[in-house]
Amino acid sequence: MDRNLALELVRVTEAGALASALWVGKGDRKAADQAATDAMRRAFDSLPMNGTIVIGEGERDEAPMLYIGEKVGSGDGPDVSIAVDPLEGTNLCANGTPNAISVIGATINEQGKLMHAPDIYMDKLVVGPDAAGAVDITLPPKVNLKVLSKCLGKDVNELTIGILERERHQELIDEIRQCGARVMLVPDGDLSIAIAAIDESSGVDALMGIGGAPEGVISACAVRCMGGDMQARFHFRNEDERERTRKMLDGDPDRVFGVNDLAAGNVLFCATGVTDGPLMKGVKFTRDGATSESMVMRSRSGTIRRIQTHHRFPPES
């Protein structure tokens, strides 16, 4: 069942990518995000499952579609928890720059669980399989760089660390550079950096820094499927965020969370490129339709499928 569901879910990310691709380079990130959200919502309706959005576009009163707690699917089939970002990198899409994607993480409830993370910030450390279990987010970056260097068989000055380009990261960036490692700054979309960090062909050796907690849960789905490692801890801006998180998680909100705390059991992950990136090509429109490239993964089998699809659009009557 999960094998079939993974291949069905990629139809949903394809729908989101195709819809938002029409807005690439047009400078309207809200319209691009809405187009992806609407298309994914329609695509979800045909899937044979009883799905619940646990990571979505926002709370019920903040988002018209794909809100947290919304039911999706036909209602027949397995109970599925879904983490979704219709358009990861809305600014990237609006500006026509690389790494915008449409993405879903999911688990069949009888086989796993996704964290119901609040929409706040999260400090993250993501590495690939060779460094799994060796790094520690509570240690200084220079210590983790030495450990990562040893695990990967590289000198520290050969390491590349992906970080969101934000003012809050300047101290982290300076420390990494002082150690001799390279920094790859990304304007938006730390989910794409997380996926790159667990793909040895990407040239990115780790993700460090603070990004969105919902994106952290989706990242954990990819990490689980690809055999990497992830540690995270919430970054609170005020006491209200800490208390809200305490109530949602029913536990210590300041603790370090491992990848299995974020995405447990049998996990599925699907992503489709909207604009070109190192992992997937973006949507390209053709005379009779469009082409897309997607990744589909399952943690149970460890399979990673890359799917190239030619979408033929029916002629206008």
Protein backbone atom coordinates (compact mmCIF):
# COMPACT_ATOMS: atom_id res chain seq x y z
CA MET A 1 0.00 0.00 0.00
CA ASP A 2 2.75 2.52 0.93
CA ARG A 3 4.56 1.76 -2.33
CA ASN A 4 1.47 2.66 -4.33
CA LEU A 5 0.76 5.68 -2.14
CA ALA A 6 4.24 7.11 -2.70
CA LEU A 7 3.74 6.98 -6.45
CA GLU A 8 0.29 8.54 -6.09
CA LEU A 9 1.63 11.37 -3.92
CA VAL A 10 4.09 12.39 -6.61
CA ARG A 11 1.10 13.24 -8.79
CA VAL A 12 0.21 15.82 -6.14
CA THR A 13 3.64 17.45 -6.09
CA GLU A 14 3.64 17.43 -9.90
CA ALA A 15 0.32 19.27 -9.86
CA GLY A 16 1.70 21.88 -7.47
CA ALA A 17 4.87 22.33 -9.50
CA LEU A 18 3.06 22.68 -12.84
CA ALA A 19 0.67 25.28 -11.44
CA SER A 20 3.32 27.40 -9.74
CA ALA A 21 5.67 27.15 -12.74
CA LEU A 22 3.30 29.41 -14.65
CA TRP A 23 4.32 32.15 -12.20
CA VAL A 24 8.09 31.68 -12.39
CA GLY A 25 9.84 35.02 -12.82
CA LYS A 26 6.64 37.07 -12.64
CA GLY A 27 7.40 38.63 -9.26
CA ASP A 28 4.22 37.52 -7.49
CA ARG A 29 5.12 34.96 -4.82
CA LYS A 30 1.64 34.97 -3.28
CA ALA A 31 -0.03 34.11 -6.57
CA ALA A 32 2.53 31.35 -7.21
CA ASP A 33 1.95 29.87 -3.75
CA GLN A 34 -1.83 30.06 -4.12
CA ALA A 35 -1.69 28.37 -7.54
CA ALA A 36 0.39 25.51 -6.12
CA THR A 37 -1.88 25.15 -3.09
CA ASP A 38 -5.08 25.06 -5.17
CA ALA A 39 -3.65 22.51 -7.59
CA MET A 40 -2.41 20.23 -4.83
CA ARG A 41 -5.73 20.43 -3.01
CA ARG A 42 -7.57 19.23 -6.12
CA ALA A 43 -5.03 16.46 -6.72
CA PHE A 44 -5.32 15.21 -3.13
CA ASP A 45 -9.06 14.68 -3.52
CA SER A 46 -8.63 11.74 -5.91
CA LEU A 47 -6.20 9.76 -3.72
CA PRO A 48 -7.53 6.63 -1.95
CA MET A 49 -6.70 7.62 1.61
CA ASN A 50 -8.00 9.33 4.71
CA GLY A 51 -5.36 12.04 4.97
CA THR A 52 -4.82 14.71 7.62
CA ILE A 53 -2.57 17.73 7.13
CA VAL A 54 -0.24 17.99 10.14
CA ILE A 55 2.19 20.46 8.54
CA GLY A 56 0.51 22.82 6.10
CA GLU A 57 0.03 26.40 5.03
CA GLY A 58 -1.11 27.51 8.47
CA GLU A 59 -3.87 27.22 11.02
CA ARG A 60 -7.49 27.05 9.92
CA ASP A 61 -8.00 30.81 10.33
CA GLU A 62 -4.76 31.71 8.51
CA ALA A 63 -4.93 29.68 5.29
CA PRO A 64 -7.76 29.05 2.81
CA MET A 65 -6.41 25.66 1.76
CA LEU A 66 -4.26 22.88 3.21
CA TYR A 67 -4.54 24.18 6.74
CA ILE A 68 -3.29 22.17 9.70
CA GLY A 69 -5.94 19.61 10.58
CA GLU A 70 -7.63 19.64 7.16
CA LYS A 71 -8.82 16.29 5.81
CA VAL A 72 -7.69 15.36 2.30
CA GLY A 73 -8.15 12.35 0.06
CA SER A 74 -11.22 10.35 -0.89
CA GLY A 75 -11.81 9.16 2.68
CA ASP A 76 -11.30 5.52 1.67
CA GLY A 77 -8.06 3.75 2.47
CA PRO A 78 -5.38 4.15 5.14
CA ASP A 79 -5.12 6.97 7.67
CA VAL A 80 -2.20 9.13 6.55
CA SER A 81 -0.46 12.09 8.21
CA ILE A 82 0.84 14.60 5.69
CA ALA A 83 3.41 17.39 5.85
CA VAL A 84 3.17 19.58 2.78
CA ASP A 85 4.79 22.68 1.33
CA PRO A 86 3.06 23.45 -1.98
CA LEU A 87 5.85 25.84 -2.95
CA GLU A 88 9.08 25.75 -0.95
CA GLY A 89 10.90 28.89 -2.04
CA THR A 90 8.11 31.27 -3.03
CA ASN A 91 10.61 34.10 -3.58
CA LEU A 92 12.79 31.78 -5.66
CA CYS A 93 9.84 31.04 -7.90
CA ALA A 94 8.79 34.68 -8.15
CA ASN A 95 12.33 35.72 -9.08
CA GLY A 96 13.01 32.80 -11.41
CA THR A 97 15.99 31.61 -9.37
CA PRO A 98 17.02 28.00 -8.60
CA ASN A 99 15.73 25.50 -6.01
CA ALA A 100 11.99 26.18 -5.83
CA ILE A 101 10.20 22.85 -5.27
CA SER A 102 6.81 21.36 -4.42
CA VAL A 103 7.11 18.80 -1.64
CA ILE A 104 5.26 16.27 0.56
CA GLY A 105 6.33 14.13 3.50
CA ALA A 106 3.90 11.51 4.79
CA THR A 107 3.44 8.44 6.92
CA ILE A 108 0.70 5.85 7.20
CA ASN A 109 -0.41 6.28 10.81
CA GLU A 110 -0.29 2.58 11.66
CA GLN A 111 3.36 2.57 10.61
CA GLY A 112 4.71 5.89 11.85
CA LYS A 113 4.15 9.44 13.03
CA LEU A 114 5.09 12.99 12.07
CA MET A 115 5.69 15.71 14.64
CA HIS A 116 2.93 18.34 14.79
CA ALA A 117 5.43 21.19 14.88
CA PRO A 118 4.31 24.78 15.48
CA ASP A 119 5.04 27.38 12.81
CA ILE A 120 8.08 28.86 14.53
CA TYR A 121 11.85 28.71 14.06
CA MET A 122 14.05 25.64 14.48
CA ASP A 123 17.83 25.27 14.70
CA LYS A 124 18.89 22.35 12.47
CA LEU A 125 21.91 20.19 11.78
CA VAL A 126 21.65 17.77 8.84
CA VAL A 127 24.37 15.42 7.59
CA GLY A 128 24.55 12.47 5.24
CA PRO A 129 24.82 8.75 6.03
CA ASP A 130 28.61 8.77 6.51
CA ALA A 131 28.32 11.16 9.46
CA ALA A 132 25.12 9.76 10.97
CA GLY A 133 25.35 9.54 14.75
CA ALA A 134 28.67 11.39 14.90
CA VAL A 135 27.72 15.09 15.08
CA ASP A 136 26.06 16.93 17.96
CA ILE A 137 24.04 20.13 17.58
CA THR A 138 24.87 21.15 21.17
CA LEU A 139 28.60 21.37 20.35
CA PRO A 140 30.29 24.39 18.73
CA PRO A 141 30.33 24.36 14.90
CA LYS A 142 34.13 24.05 14.85
CA VAL A 143 33.87 20.74 16.73
CA ASN A 144 31.25 19.38 14.35
CA LEU A 145 33.37 20.45 11.37
CA LYS A 146 36.29 18.38 12.67
CA VAL A 147 34.02 15.37 13.23
CA LEU A 148 32.43 15.78 9.80
CA SER A 149 35.87 16.08 8.21
CA LYS A 150 36.94 12.79 9.73
CA CYS A 151 33.71 10.99 8.78
CA LEU A 152 33.86 12.13 5.16
CA GLY A 153 37.61 11.73 4.70
CA LYS A 154 38.02 15.38 3.73
CA ASP A 155 40.06 18.24 5.06
CA VAL A 156 38.01 20.90 6.83
CA ASN A 157 38.85 23.37 4.05
CA GLU A 158 37.18 21.00 1.59
CA LEU A 159 33.85 20.97 3.42
CA THR A 160 30.86 22.96 2.16
CA ILE A 161 28.16 23.95 4.63
CA GLY A 162 24.78 25.15 3.42
CA ILE A 163 23.21 28.01 5.38
CA LEU A 164 20.24 30.30 4.81
CA GLU A 165 21.44 33.81 4.02
CA ARG A 166 20.05 35.64 7.03
CA GLU A 167 21.49 38.27 9.37
CA ARG A 168 20.95 35.94 12.34
CA HIS A 169 23.54 33.57 10.89
CA GLN A 170 26.44 35.99 10.57
CA GLU A 171 28.25 34.69 13.67
CA LEU A 172 27.82 31.10 12.49
CA ILE A 173 29.06 31.98 9.00
CA ASP A 174 32.11 33.76 10.41
CA GLU A 175 33.02 30.80 12.65
CA ILE A 176 32.73 28.29 9.82
CA ARG A 177 34.90 30.42 7.54
CA GLN A 178 37.48 30.98 10.28
CA CYS A 179 37.80 27.19 10.52
CA GLY A 180 38.61 27.12 6.79
CA ALA A 181 35.40 25.50 5.57
CA ARG A 182 33.34 26.86 2.71
CA VAL A 183 29.86 28.34 3.10
CA MET A 184 27.13 28.08 0.51
CA LEU A 185 24.58 30.81 1.21
CA VAL A 186 21.07 30.20 -0.06
CA PRO A 187 18.55 33.07 -0.25
CA ASP A 188 15.49 30.92 0.55
CA GLY A 189 14.48 27.31 1.09
CA ASP A 190 16.55 25.44 3.68
CA LEU A 191 14.60 22.27 2.81
CA SER A 192 16.51 22.13 -0.47
CA ILE A 193 19.78 22.50 1.46
CA ALA A 194 18.78 19.65 3.77
CA ILE A 195 18.12 17.34 0.82
CA ALA A 196 21.43 18.36 -0.76
CA ALA A 197 23.29 17.66 2.50
CA ILE A 198 22.25 13.99 2.42
CA ASP A 199 22.98 13.53 -1.28
CA GLU A 200 26.71 12.88 -1.72
CA SER A 201 26.60 14.03 -5.34
CA SER A 202 25.36 17.54 -4.46
CA GLY A 203 28.63 18.96 -3.13
CA VAL A 204 26.96 20.10 0.12
CA ASP A 205 28.25 18.32 3.23
CA ALA A 206 25.87 19.63 5.90
CA LEU A 207 23.05 22.03 6.71
CA MET A 208 23.47 24.29 9.72
CA GLY A 209 21.40 27.15 11.05
CA ILE A 210 17.91 28.33 11.86
CA GLY A 211 14.91 27.94 9.57
CA GLY A 212 11.24 27.08 9.81
CA ALA A 213 10.13 24.23 12.08
CA PRO A 214 7.51 22.92 9.60
CA GLU A 215 10.22 22.66 6.95
CA GLY A 216 12.28 20.81 9.54
CA VAL A 217 9.67 18.05 9.78
CA ILE A 218 9.54 17.69 6.00
CA SER A 219 13.35 17.66 5.89
CA ALA A 220 13.34 14.85 8.44
CA CYS A 221 11.19 12.77 6.09
CA ALA A 222 13.86 13.04 3.40
CA VAL A 223 16.65 12.37 5.90
CA ARG A 224 14.90 9.21 7.10
CA CYS A 225 14.47 7.96 3.55
CA MET A 226 18.07 8.66 2.53
CA GLY A 227 19.72 7.30 5.68
CA GLY A 228 21.19 10.55 6.90
CA ASP A 229 20.99 12.16 10.32
CA MET A 230 19.29 15.25 11.67
CA GLN A 231 19.19 17.00 15.03
CA ALA A 232 17.03 19.99 15.84
CA ARG A 233 15.92 22.25 18.64
CA PHE A 234 13.29 24.97 18.64
CA HIS A 235 14.45 28.58 18.50
CA PHE A 236 11.98 30.66 20.48
CA ARG A 237 11.60 34.39 19.96
CA ASN A 238 9.43 34.83 23.03
CA GLU A 239 7.88 32.96 25.94
CA ASP A 240 4.54 32.64 24.14
CA GLU A 241 6.18 30.49 21.45
CA ARG A 242 7.80 28.29 24.10
CA GLU A 243 4.52 27.76 25.93
CA ARG A 244 2.62 27.03 22.72
CA THR A 245 5.23 24.43 21.78
CA ARG A 246 5.10 22.88 25.24
CA LYS A 247 1.34 22.34 24.87
CA MET A 248 1.61 20.94 21.34
CA LEU A 249 4.40 18.49 22.18
CA ASP A 250 3.41 17.63 25.73
CA GLY A 251 7.00 17.68 26.93
CA ASP A 252 10.18 19.71 27.31
CA PRO A 253 10.23 22.13 24.35
CA ASP A 254 13.92 22.97 24.85
CA ARG A 255 15.25 19.45 24.34
CA VAL A 256 17.19 18.29 21.29
CA PHE A 257 15.07 16.32 18.83
CA GLY A 258 16.49 13.53 16.71
CA VAL A 259 15.31 12.60 13.24
CA ASN A 260 13.04 9.87 14.64
CA ASP A 261 11.35 12.41 16.91
CA LEU A 262 10.43 14.45 13.86
CA ALA A 263 9.48 11.63 11.47
CA ALA A 264 9.06 8.13 12.90
CA GLY A 265 8.27 4.77 11.35
CA ASN A 266 7.68 4.15 7.65
CA VAL A 267 8.06 7.52 5.96
CA LEU A 268 7.33 8.63 2.39
CA PHE A 269 8.80 11.67 0.64
CA CYS A 270 8.02 13.23 -2.73
CA ALA A 271 9.31 16.41 -4.35
CA THR A 272 9.00 17.96 -7.81
CA GLY A 273 11.21 20.74 -9.11
CA VAL A 274 9.63 24.06 -10.03
CA THR A 275 12.84 25.86 -11.00
CA ASP A 276 16.15 24.15 -11.81
CA GLY A 277 18.32 22.98 -8.93
CA PRO A 278 21.23 20.61 -8.30
CA LEU A 279 18.86 17.75 -7.40
CA MET A 280 15.98 18.21 -9.83
CA LYS A 281 15.28 20.10 -13.01
CA GLY A 282 12.43 22.56 -12.98
CA VAL A 283 9.27 22.49 -15.05
CA LYS A 284 9.80 23.17 -18.75
CA PHE A 285 6.84 24.00 -20.96
CA THR A 286 6.73 22.40 -24.40
CA ARG A 287 4.57 22.76 -27.48
CA ASP A 288 2.06 20.18 -26.27
CA GLY A 289 2.49 20.34 -22.48
CA ALA A 290 5.37 20.33 -20.02
CA THR A 291 8.11 18.19 -18.53
CA SER A 292 8.90 17.75 -14.84
CA GLU A 293 11.42 15.93 -12.67
CA SER A 294 10.62 14.42 -9.28
CA MET A 295 12.12 12.40 -6.44
CA VAL A 296 10.12 9.68 -4.67
CA MET A 297 11.51 7.94 -1.56
CA ARG A 298 10.42 5.32 0.98
CA SER A 299 12.24 4.79 4.26
CA ARG A 300 11.12 1.16 4.60
CA SER A 301 12.74 0.02 1.36
CA GLY A 302 15.42 2.71 1.14
CA THR A 303 14.50 3.30 -2.48
CA ILE A 304 15.08 6.66 -4.15
CA ARG A 305 13.36 7.03 -7.49
CA ARG A 306 13.85 9.88 -9.93
CA ILE A 307 10.90 10.35 -12.23
CA GLN A 308 10.92 12.35 -15.44
CA THR A 309 7.42 13.02 -16.71
CA HIS A 310 6.06 14.47 -19.94
CA HIS A 311 2.66 15.99 -19.25
CA ARG A 312 0.52 16.33 -22.36
CA PHE A 313 -2.12 19.02 -22.08
CA PRO A 314 -5.40 18.49 -23.93
CA PRO A 315 -5.88 20.89 -26.84
CA GLU A 316 -8.18 23.82 -26.19
CA SER A 317 -11.56 23.38 -27.80
